[in-house]
Amino acid sequence: MGTLAAVLAGKKIRTVQDLFKATVTGDIEDVDGVLKITRINVHYELKVPAENREDAKESLDTYLSLCPGAQSVIGCIDITHELTMEDL
């Protein structure tokens, strides 16, 4: 969430508490007798001015390459993300 917020801030999109939130879910599976996290899904919600929607979409498309947490597990855990926007 922090990396996406930083990318959004770089585009002058505010991410204060009442404007930006994330819900994270995941799957844990038995892999060869060991419980492993196999999938993580992050659903972001952002209240944003209509004129900033494209910048917000672009930010979602690029932030994972900058995210230390995601980069640490990509290849081991399937990560998906999505963004729902509401007009501010």
N, C-alpha and C. Protein backbone atom coordinates (compact mmCIF):
# COMPACT_ATOMS: atom_id res chain seq x y z
N MET A 1 0.83 -1.19 0.00
CA MET A 1 0.00 0.00 0.00
C MET A 1 0.87 1.26 0.00
N GLY A 2 1.98 1.19 0.72
CA GLY A 2 2.86 2.34 0.80
C GLY A 2 3.51 2.69 -0.52
N THR A 3 3.92 1.69 -1.27
CA THR A 3 4.57 1.96 -2.56
C THR A 3 3.58 2.56 -3.54
N LEU A 4 2.37 2.03 -3.60
CA LEU A 4 1.36 2.61 -4.49
C LEU A 4 1.04 4.03 -4.05
N ALA A 5 0.93 4.27 -2.75
CA ALA A 5 0.67 5.62 -2.25
C ALA A 5 1.78 6.58 -2.68
N ALA A 6 3.02 6.13 -2.64
CA ALA A 6 4.14 6.98 -3.05
C ALA A 6 4.08 7.30 -4.54
N VAL A 7 3.74 6.31 -5.35
CA VAL A 7 3.62 6.54 -6.79
C VAL A 7 2.46 7.50 -7.07
N LEU A 8 1.35 7.32 -6.38
CA LEU A 8 0.21 8.23 -6.54
C LEU A 8 0.59 9.64 -6.09
N ALA A 9 1.31 9.76 -4.99
CA ALA A 9 1.73 11.09 -4.50
C ALA A 9 2.61 11.78 -5.54
N GLY A 10 3.43 11.01 -6.23
CA GLY A 10 4.26 11.58 -7.29
C GLY A 10 3.44 12.17 -8.42
N LYS A 11 2.21 11.72 -8.54
CA LYS A 11 1.31 12.24 -9.57
C LYS A 11 0.31 13.23 -8.97
N LYS A 12 0.61 13.67 -7.73
CA LYS A 12 -0.22 14.66 -7.02
C LYS A 12 -1.61 14.14 -6.71
N ILE A 13 -1.73 12.82 -6.47
CA ILE A 13 -3.00 12.21 -6.07
C ILE A 13 -2.92 11.93 -4.58
N ARG A 14 -3.83 12.50 -3.82
CA ARG A 14 -3.81 12.37 -2.37
C ARG A 14 -4.28 10.97 -1.94
N THR A 15 -3.63 10.47 -0.88
CA THR A 15 -3.96 9.13 -0.37
C THR A 15 -4.14 9.14 1.15
N VAL A 16 -4.68 10.21 1.67
CA VAL A 16 -4.93 10.25 3.11
C VAL A 16 -5.95 9.18 3.48
N GLN A 17 -6.03 8.89 4.76
CA GLN A 17 -6.79 7.73 5.26
C GLN A 17 -8.22 7.61 4.71
N ASP A 18 -8.94 8.69 4.62
CA ASP A 18 -10.33 8.59 4.17
C ASP A 18 -10.46 8.50 2.64
N LEU A 19 -9.36 8.61 1.91
CA LEU A 19 -9.41 8.56 0.45
C LEU A 19 -8.85 7.26 -0.13
N PHE A 20 -8.10 6.50 0.64
CA PHE A 20 -7.36 5.37 0.11
C PHE A 20 -7.36 4.22 1.11
N LYS A 21 -7.75 3.04 0.65
CA LYS A 21 -7.68 1.86 1.52
C LYS A 21 -7.43 0.62 0.69
N ALA A 22 -7.04 -0.44 1.37
CA ALA A 22 -6.78 -1.71 0.69
C ALA A 22 -7.36 -2.85 1.51
N THR A 23 -7.89 -3.82 0.81
CA THR A 23 -8.34 -5.06 1.41
C THR A 23 -7.50 -6.18 0.80
N VAL A 24 -6.86 -6.95 1.65
CA VAL A 24 -5.95 -7.99 1.17
C VAL A 24 -6.50 -9.36 1.57
N THR A 25 -6.57 -10.25 0.59
CA THR A 25 -6.98 -11.63 0.85
C THR A 25 -5.92 -12.55 0.25
N GLY A 26 -5.95 -13.79 0.66
CA GLY A 26 -4.98 -14.72 0.12
C GLY A 26 -5.45 -16.15 0.24
N ASP A 27 -4.71 -17.02 -0.39
CA ASP A 27 -4.99 -18.46 -0.32
C ASP A 27 -3.80 -19.17 0.28
N ILE A 28 -4.09 -20.08 1.18
CA ILE A 28 -3.07 -20.94 1.76
C ILE A 28 -3.43 -22.36 1.34
N GLU A 29 -2.46 -23.05 0.77
CA GLU A 29 -2.70 -24.40 0.25
C GLU A 29 -1.67 -25.37 0.79
N ASP A 30 -2.06 -26.63 0.80
CA ASP A 30 -1.13 -27.70 1.16
C ASP A 30 -0.33 -28.05 -0.09
N VAL A 31 0.96 -27.78 -0.03
CA VAL A 31 1.85 -28.10 -1.15
C VAL A 31 2.86 -29.12 -0.64
N ASP A 32 2.67 -30.35 -1.08
CA ASP A 32 3.56 -31.44 -0.66
C ASP A 32 3.67 -31.55 0.86
N GLY A 33 2.50 -31.39 1.52
CA GLY A 33 2.46 -31.55 2.97
C GLY A 33 2.86 -30.32 3.76
N VAL A 34 3.12 -29.22 3.09
CA VAL A 34 3.50 -27.97 3.75
C VAL A 34 2.48 -26.89 3.39
N LEU A 35 1.96 -26.20 4.40
CA LEU A 35 1.04 -25.10 4.13
C LEU A 35 1.83 -23.91 3.60
N LYS A 36 1.40 -23.42 2.44
CA LYS A 36 2.10 -22.30 1.81
C LYS A 36 1.09 -21.26 1.35
N ILE A 37 1.48 -19.99 1.45
CA ILE A 37 0.69 -18.93 0.84
C ILE A 37 0.95 -19.02 -0.66
N THR A 38 -0.11 -19.23 -1.42
CA THR A 38 0.06 -19.40 -2.87
C THR A 38 -0.46 -18.21 -3.67
N ARG A 39 -1.39 -17.45 -3.10
CA ARG A 39 -1.96 -16.31 -3.82
C ARG A 39 -2.27 -15.17 -2.84
N ILE A 40 -2.03 -13.97 -3.31
CA ILE A 40 -2.40 -12.76 -2.57
C ILE A 40 -3.14 -11.85 -3.54
N ASN A 41 -4.31 -11.37 -3.13
CA ASN A 41 -5.06 -10.41 -3.93
C ASN A 41 -5.23 -9.13 -3.11
N VAL A 42 -4.89 -8.02 -3.73
CA VAL A 42 -5.03 -6.72 -3.08
C VAL A 42 -6.07 -5.93 -3.85
N HIS A 43 -7.11 -5.51 -3.13
CA HIS A 43 -8.15 -4.68 -3.73
C HIS A 43 -8.02 -3.27 -3.13
N TYR A 44 -7.62 -2.33 -3.97
CA TYR A 44 -7.47 -0.95 -3.54
C TYR A 44 -8.75 -0.18 -3.85
N GLU A 45 -9.08 0.75 -2.97
CA GLU A 45 -10.18 1.68 -3.19
C GLU A 45 -9.63 3.08 -3.05
N LEU A 46 -9.93 3.93 -4.03
CA LEU A 46 -9.38 5.27 -4.06
C LEU A 46 -10.46 6.26 -4.47
N LYS A 47 -10.58 7.31 -3.68
CA LYS A 47 -11.43 8.43 -4.06
C LYS A 47 -10.52 9.44 -4.73
N VAL A 48 -10.84 9.76 -5.97
CA VAL A 48 -9.93 10.56 -6.79
C VAL A 48 -10.73 11.50 -7.71
N PRO A 49 -10.22 12.71 -7.96
CA PRO A 49 -10.89 13.56 -8.94
C PRO A 49 -10.90 12.89 -10.32
N ALA A 50 -11.97 13.08 -11.04
CA ALA A 50 -12.13 12.42 -12.35
C ALA A 50 -10.94 12.68 -13.27
N GLU A 51 -10.35 13.86 -13.19
CA GLU A 51 -9.24 14.19 -14.09
C GLU A 51 -7.96 13.42 -13.75
N ASN A 52 -7.92 12.75 -12.59
CA ASN A 52 -6.74 11.98 -12.20
C ASN A 52 -6.90 10.47 -12.37
N ARG A 53 -8.00 10.04 -12.92
CA ARG A 53 -8.25 8.59 -13.05
C ARG A 53 -7.19 7.88 -13.89
N GLU A 54 -6.82 8.44 -14.99
CA GLU A 54 -5.82 7.79 -15.86
C GLU A 54 -4.47 7.68 -15.14
N ASP A 55 -4.08 8.73 -14.43
CA ASP A 55 -2.84 8.67 -13.67
C ASP A 55 -2.90 7.59 -12.59
N ALA A 56 -4.06 7.43 -11.97
CA ALA A 56 -4.22 6.41 -10.93
C ALA A 56 -4.11 5.01 -11.55
N LYS A 57 -4.73 4.82 -12.70
CA LYS A 57 -4.63 3.52 -13.38
C LYS A 57 -3.18 3.22 -13.77
N GLU A 58 -2.48 4.22 -14.27
CA GLU A 58 -1.08 4.04 -14.66
C GLU A 58 -0.23 3.70 -13.43
N SER A 59 -0.53 4.32 -12.31
CA SER A 59 0.20 4.04 -11.08
C SER A 59 0.02 2.59 -10.65
N LEU A 60 -1.20 2.08 -10.76
CA LEU A 60 -1.46 0.69 -10.40
C LEU A 60 -0.68 -0.25 -11.32
N ASP A 61 -0.58 0.12 -12.57
CA ASP A 61 0.13 -0.74 -13.53
C ASP A 61 1.64 -0.77 -13.32
N THR A 62 2.19 0.22 -12.61
CA THR A 62 3.65 0.31 -12.50
C THR A 62 4.22 0.09 -11.11
N TYR A 63 3.44 0.22 -10.05
CA TYR A 63 4.01 0.25 -8.70
C TYR A 63 4.64 -1.08 -8.27
N LEU A 64 4.14 -2.21 -8.75
CA LEU A 64 4.67 -3.51 -8.28
C LEU A 64 6.16 -3.65 -8.55
N SER A 65 6.64 -3.08 -9.63
CA SER A 65 8.07 -3.19 -9.93
C SER A 65 8.92 -2.41 -8.94
N LEU A 66 8.31 -1.52 -8.17
CA LEU A 66 9.02 -0.71 -7.18
C LEU A 66 8.79 -1.19 -5.75
N CYS A 67 7.89 -2.14 -5.56
CA CYS A 67 7.46 -2.55 -4.22
C CYS A 67 8.40 -3.63 -3.64
N PRO A 68 9.11 -3.33 -2.55
CA PRO A 68 10.03 -4.31 -1.98
C PRO A 68 9.34 -5.61 -1.56
N GLY A 69 8.16 -5.50 -0.97
CA GLY A 69 7.45 -6.70 -0.53
C GLY A 69 7.06 -7.59 -1.70
N ALA A 70 6.48 -6.97 -2.72
CA ALA A 70 6.07 -7.74 -3.90
C ALA A 70 7.28 -8.33 -4.60
N GLN A 71 8.33 -7.56 -4.75
CA GLN A 71 9.52 -8.05 -5.44
C GLN A 71 10.19 -9.20 -4.68
N SER A 72 9.97 -9.25 -3.38
CA SER A 72 10.55 -10.33 -2.57
C SER A 72 9.86 -11.67 -2.78
N VAL A 73 8.58 -11.63 -3.19
CA VAL A 73 7.82 -12.90 -3.30
C VAL A 73 7.35 -13.22 -4.71
N ILE A 74 7.49 -12.29 -5.65
CA ILE A 74 7.08 -12.58 -7.03
C ILE A 74 7.86 -13.79 -7.51
N GLY A 75 7.17 -14.71 -8.12
CA GLY A 75 7.78 -15.96 -8.55
C GLY A 75 7.47 -17.09 -7.58
N CYS A 76 7.16 -16.74 -6.34
CA CYS A 76 6.80 -17.74 -5.33
C CYS A 76 5.32 -17.68 -4.99
N ILE A 77 4.77 -16.48 -5.01
CA ILE A 77 3.37 -16.25 -4.67
C ILE A 77 2.75 -15.45 -5.80
N ASP A 78 1.58 -15.90 -6.26
CA ASP A 78 0.85 -15.20 -7.31
C ASP A 78 0.20 -13.96 -6.69
N ILE A 79 0.52 -12.78 -7.21
CA ILE A 79 -0.03 -11.53 -6.70
C ILE A 79 -0.94 -10.92 -7.75
N THR A 80 -2.16 -10.61 -7.34
CA THR A 80 -3.08 -9.88 -8.21
C THR A 80 -3.49 -8.61 -7.48
N HIS A 81 -3.85 -7.61 -8.24
CA HIS A 81 -4.32 -6.37 -7.63
C HIS A 81 -5.34 -5.72 -8.55
N GLU A 82 -6.19 -4.94 -7.93
CA GLU A 82 -7.22 -4.23 -8.68
C GLU A 82 -7.52 -2.92 -7.97
N LEU A 83 -8.05 -1.97 -8.70
CA LEU A 83 -8.33 -0.65 -8.17
C LEU A 83 -9.76 -0.26 -8.51
N THR A 84 -10.52 0.09 -7.49
CA THR A 84 -11.84 0.64 -7.67
C THR A 84 -11.75 2.12 -7.33
N MET A 85 -12.24 2.96 -8.23
CA MET A 85 -12.16 4.40 -8.00
C MET A 85 -13.55 4.99 -7.86
N GLU A 86 -13.62 5.96 -6.98
CA GLU A 86 -14.85 6.71 -6.75
C GLU A 86 -14.52 8.18 -6.98
N ASP A 87 -15.41 8.90 -7.65
CA ASP A 87 -15.15 10.32 -7.91
C ASP A 87 -15.12 11.10 -6.62
N LEU A 88 -14.17 12.02 -6.55
CA LEU A 88 -14.00 12.87 -5.39
C LEU A 88 -14.63 14.21 -5.68
